[in-house]
């Protein structure tokens, strides 16, 4: 399985939180990462997106075909996100477009098995895969890219 977690790009400061839109810089960030992803993935199996406006706009830079899911929303937990994505047994590539601090917590859990608040920068993607080595499941960080890296 391939799991890509993608934090929404830069958003305006406003209320209510779920209605915040991307800034013009955020729109550029989303397009950069979408272009990077399109060059590296054949076709995502699923794209799960938080109901928040800024995540919907971020995902739209990649594809108009995605699933809106409260399971990956603003108040999601690590467990809910991983369950919604089908980690580690889903087929193909799953992209989750969501929020901090949960995406950083997902990254920490996958790589260390520990609870920790890691930073996933605005617009950044972390790409994980799973495989079996010597009979045991192994999580691999394939890439970590920010819009500034593209």
Protein backbone atom coordinates (compact mmCIF):
# COMPACT_ATOMS: atom_id res chain seq x y z
CA UNK A 1 0.00 0.00 0.00
CA UNK A 2 1.03 3.57 -0.67
CA UNK A 3 -0.26 6.22 1.74
CA UNK A 4 0.28 9.89 1.00
CA UNK A 5 -0.69 12.43 3.63
CA UNK A 6 -1.06 15.96 2.27
CA UNK A 7 -1.57 18.94 4.52
CA UNK A 8 -3.75 21.65 3.03
CA UNK A 9 -1.88 24.57 1.53
CA UNK A 10 -1.68 28.05 3.06
CA UNK A 11 -5.09 29.37 4.06
CA UNK A 12 -6.45 32.74 5.08
CA UNK A 13 -6.94 33.56 8.75
CA UNK A 14 -10.68 33.78 9.32
CA UNK A 15 -13.63 32.18 11.05
CA UNK A 16 -15.31 29.80 11.04
CA UNK A 17 -12.30 27.51 10.76
CA UNK A 18 -13.93 25.04 8.37
CA UNK A 19 -14.75 27.84 5.90
CA UNK A 20 -11.20 29.17 5.55
CA UNK A 21 -10.11 29.42 1.90
CA UNK A 22 -6.66 29.13 0.36
CA UNK A 23 -4.68 32.28 -0.19
CA UNK A 24 -3.23 32.95 -3.65
CA UNK A 25 0.07 31.57 -2.30
CA UNK A 26 -1.80 28.49 -1.06
CA UNK A 27 -3.28 27.95 -4.53
CA UNK A 28 0.26 28.04 -5.98
CA UNK A 29 1.48 25.60 -3.32
CA UNK A 30 -1.35 23.16 -4.10
CA UNK A 31 -0.64 23.29 -7.85
CA UNK A 32 3.09 22.67 -7.29
CA UNK A 33 2.50 19.60 -5.13
CA UNK A 34 -0.25 18.31 -7.44
CA UNK A 35 2.15 18.54 -10.38
CA UNK A 36 4.84 16.72 -8.39
CA UNK A 37 2.38 13.97 -7.44
CA UNK A 38 1.02 13.61 -10.97
CA UNK A 39 4.55 12.99 -12.24
CA UNK A 40 5.03 10.14 -9.73
CA UNK A 41 1.79 8.29 -9.28
CA UNK A 42 -0.01 6.47 -12.02
CA UNK A 43 -3.46 6.90 -10.56
CA UNK A 44 -4.48 7.27 -6.94
CA UNK A 45 -6.82 4.54 -5.81
CA UNK A 46 -8.61 6.90 -3.44
CA UNK A 47 -8.33 10.51 -2.41
CA UNK A 48 -9.89 11.18 1.01
CA UNK A 49 -10.41 14.84 1.82
CA UNK A 50 -11.52 16.70 4.93
CA UNK A 51 -14.79 18.63 4.55
CA UNK A 52 -12.97 21.93 5.28
CA UNK A 53 -12.92 24.36 2.35
CA UNK A 54 -9.12 24.71 2.31
CA UNK A 55 -8.58 20.95 2.01
CA UNK A 56 -11.20 20.68 -0.73
CA UNK A 57 -9.41 23.45 -2.67
CA UNK A 58 -6.02 21.77 -2.12
CA UNK A 59 -7.31 18.41 -3.40
CA UNK A 60 -8.94 20.02 -6.44
CA UNK A 61 -5.48 21.01 -7.67
CA UNK A 62 -4.82 17.27 -8.10
CA UNK A 63 -8.21 15.92 -9.11
CA UNK A 64 -11.90 16.74 -9.13
CA UNK A 65 -12.58 13.12 -8.16
CA UNK A 66 -12.20 12.69 -4.42
CA UNK A 67 -14.19 11.55 -1.42
CA UNK A 68 -15.11 14.05 1.26
CA UNK A 69 -14.73 12.31 4.61
CA UNK A 70 -15.26 13.59 8.15
CA UNK A 71 -12.98 10.69 9.18
CA UNK A 72 -10.01 12.81 7.99
CA UNK A 73 -11.49 16.17 9.06
CA UNK A 74 -10.36 18.90 11.41
CA UNK A 75 -10.88 16.90 14.60
CA UNK A 76 -9.79 13.52 13.23
CA UNK A 77 -7.64 11.13 15.22
CA UNK A 78 -4.69 9.08 14.02
CA UNK A 79 -6.78 5.93 14.34
CA UNK A 80 -9.69 7.35 12.31
CA UNK A 81 -7.39 8.50 9.50
CA UNK A 82 -5.55 5.18 9.27
CA UNK A 83 -8.82 3.23 9.39
CA UNK A 84 -10.40 5.42 6.68
CA UNK A 85 -7.31 4.96 4.48
CA UNK A 86 -7.27 1.20 5.06
CA UNK A 87 -3.68 1.25 6.35
CA UNK A 88 -1.75 -0.98 5.89
CA UNK A 89 -3.83 -3.38 3.79
CA UNK A 90 -5.59 -1.26 1.15
CA UNK A 91 -4.67 -1.82 -2.47
CA UNK A 92 -2.94 0.89 -4.48
CA UNK A 93 -2.39 4.48 -3.45
CA UNK A 94 -4.49 6.40 -0.96
CA UNK A 95 -4.06 10.15 -0.56
CA UNK A 96 -5.38 11.84 2.58
CA UNK A 97 -5.74 15.63 2.45
CA UNK A 98 -6.06 16.90 5.99
CA UNK A 99 -4.83 19.00 8.87
CA UNK A 100 -2.26 19.56 11.56
CA UNK A 101 -1.66 18.38 14.20
CA UNK A 102 -3.20 15.05 13.24
CA UNK A 103 -1.17 14.49 10.06
CA UNK A 104 2.05 15.00 12.01
CA UNK A 105 0.78 12.53 14.59
CA UNK A 106 0.06 10.03 11.79
CA UNK A 107 3.62 10.42 10.49
CA UNK A 108 5.09 9.89 13.97
CA UNK A 109 2.91 6.84 14.61
CA UNK A 110 3.81 5.22 11.29
CA UNK A 111 7.55 5.78 11.61
CA UNK A 112 8.12 5.37 15.34
CA UNK A 113 5.03 3.69 16.76
CA UNK A 114 4.96 6.51 19.31
CA UNK A 115 2.58 9.40 20.00
CA UNK A 116 4.28 12.61 18.97
CA UNK A 117 3.39 15.97 17.43
CA UNK A 118 5.53 16.21 14.31
CA UNK A 119 5.19 19.15 11.98
CA UNK A 120 3.83 18.63 8.48
CA UNK A 121 4.30 22.00 6.78
CA UNK A 122 1.57 23.79 4.87
CA UNK A 123 1.07 22.12 1.50
CA UNK A 124 3.60 19.34 2.26
CA UNK A 125 3.22 15.65 1.47
CA UNK A 126 4.66 12.66 3.29
CA UNK A 127 4.60 9.44 1.25
CA UNK A 128 4.63 6.10 3.05
CA UNK A 129 4.61 2.56 1.75
CA UNK A 130 4.36 -0.75 3.49
CA UNK A 131 6.02 -4.02 2.67
CA UNK A 132 6.92 -7.26 4.35
CA UNK A 133 10.56 -8.02 5.17
CA UNK A 134 11.57 -11.24 6.90
CA UNK A 135 7.91 -11.90 7.58
CA UNK A 136 7.30 -8.60 9.38
CA UNK A 137 5.47 -5.51 8.11
CA UNK A 138 7.75 -2.53 7.52
CA UNK A 139 6.78 1.12 6.98
CA UNK A 140 8.99 3.10 4.61
CA UNK A 141 9.05 6.88 4.16
CA UNK A 142 9.42 7.23 0.39
CA UNK A 143 9.34 11.03 0.23
CA UNK A 144 8.69 14.17 2.20
CA UNK A 145 8.22 17.21 -0.02
CA UNK A 146 7.18 20.78 0.68
CA UNK A 147 6.00 23.26 -1.96
CA UNK A 148 9.34 25.07 -1.53
CA UNK A 149 11.17 21.88 -2.59
CA UNK A 150 9.34 21.65 -5.92
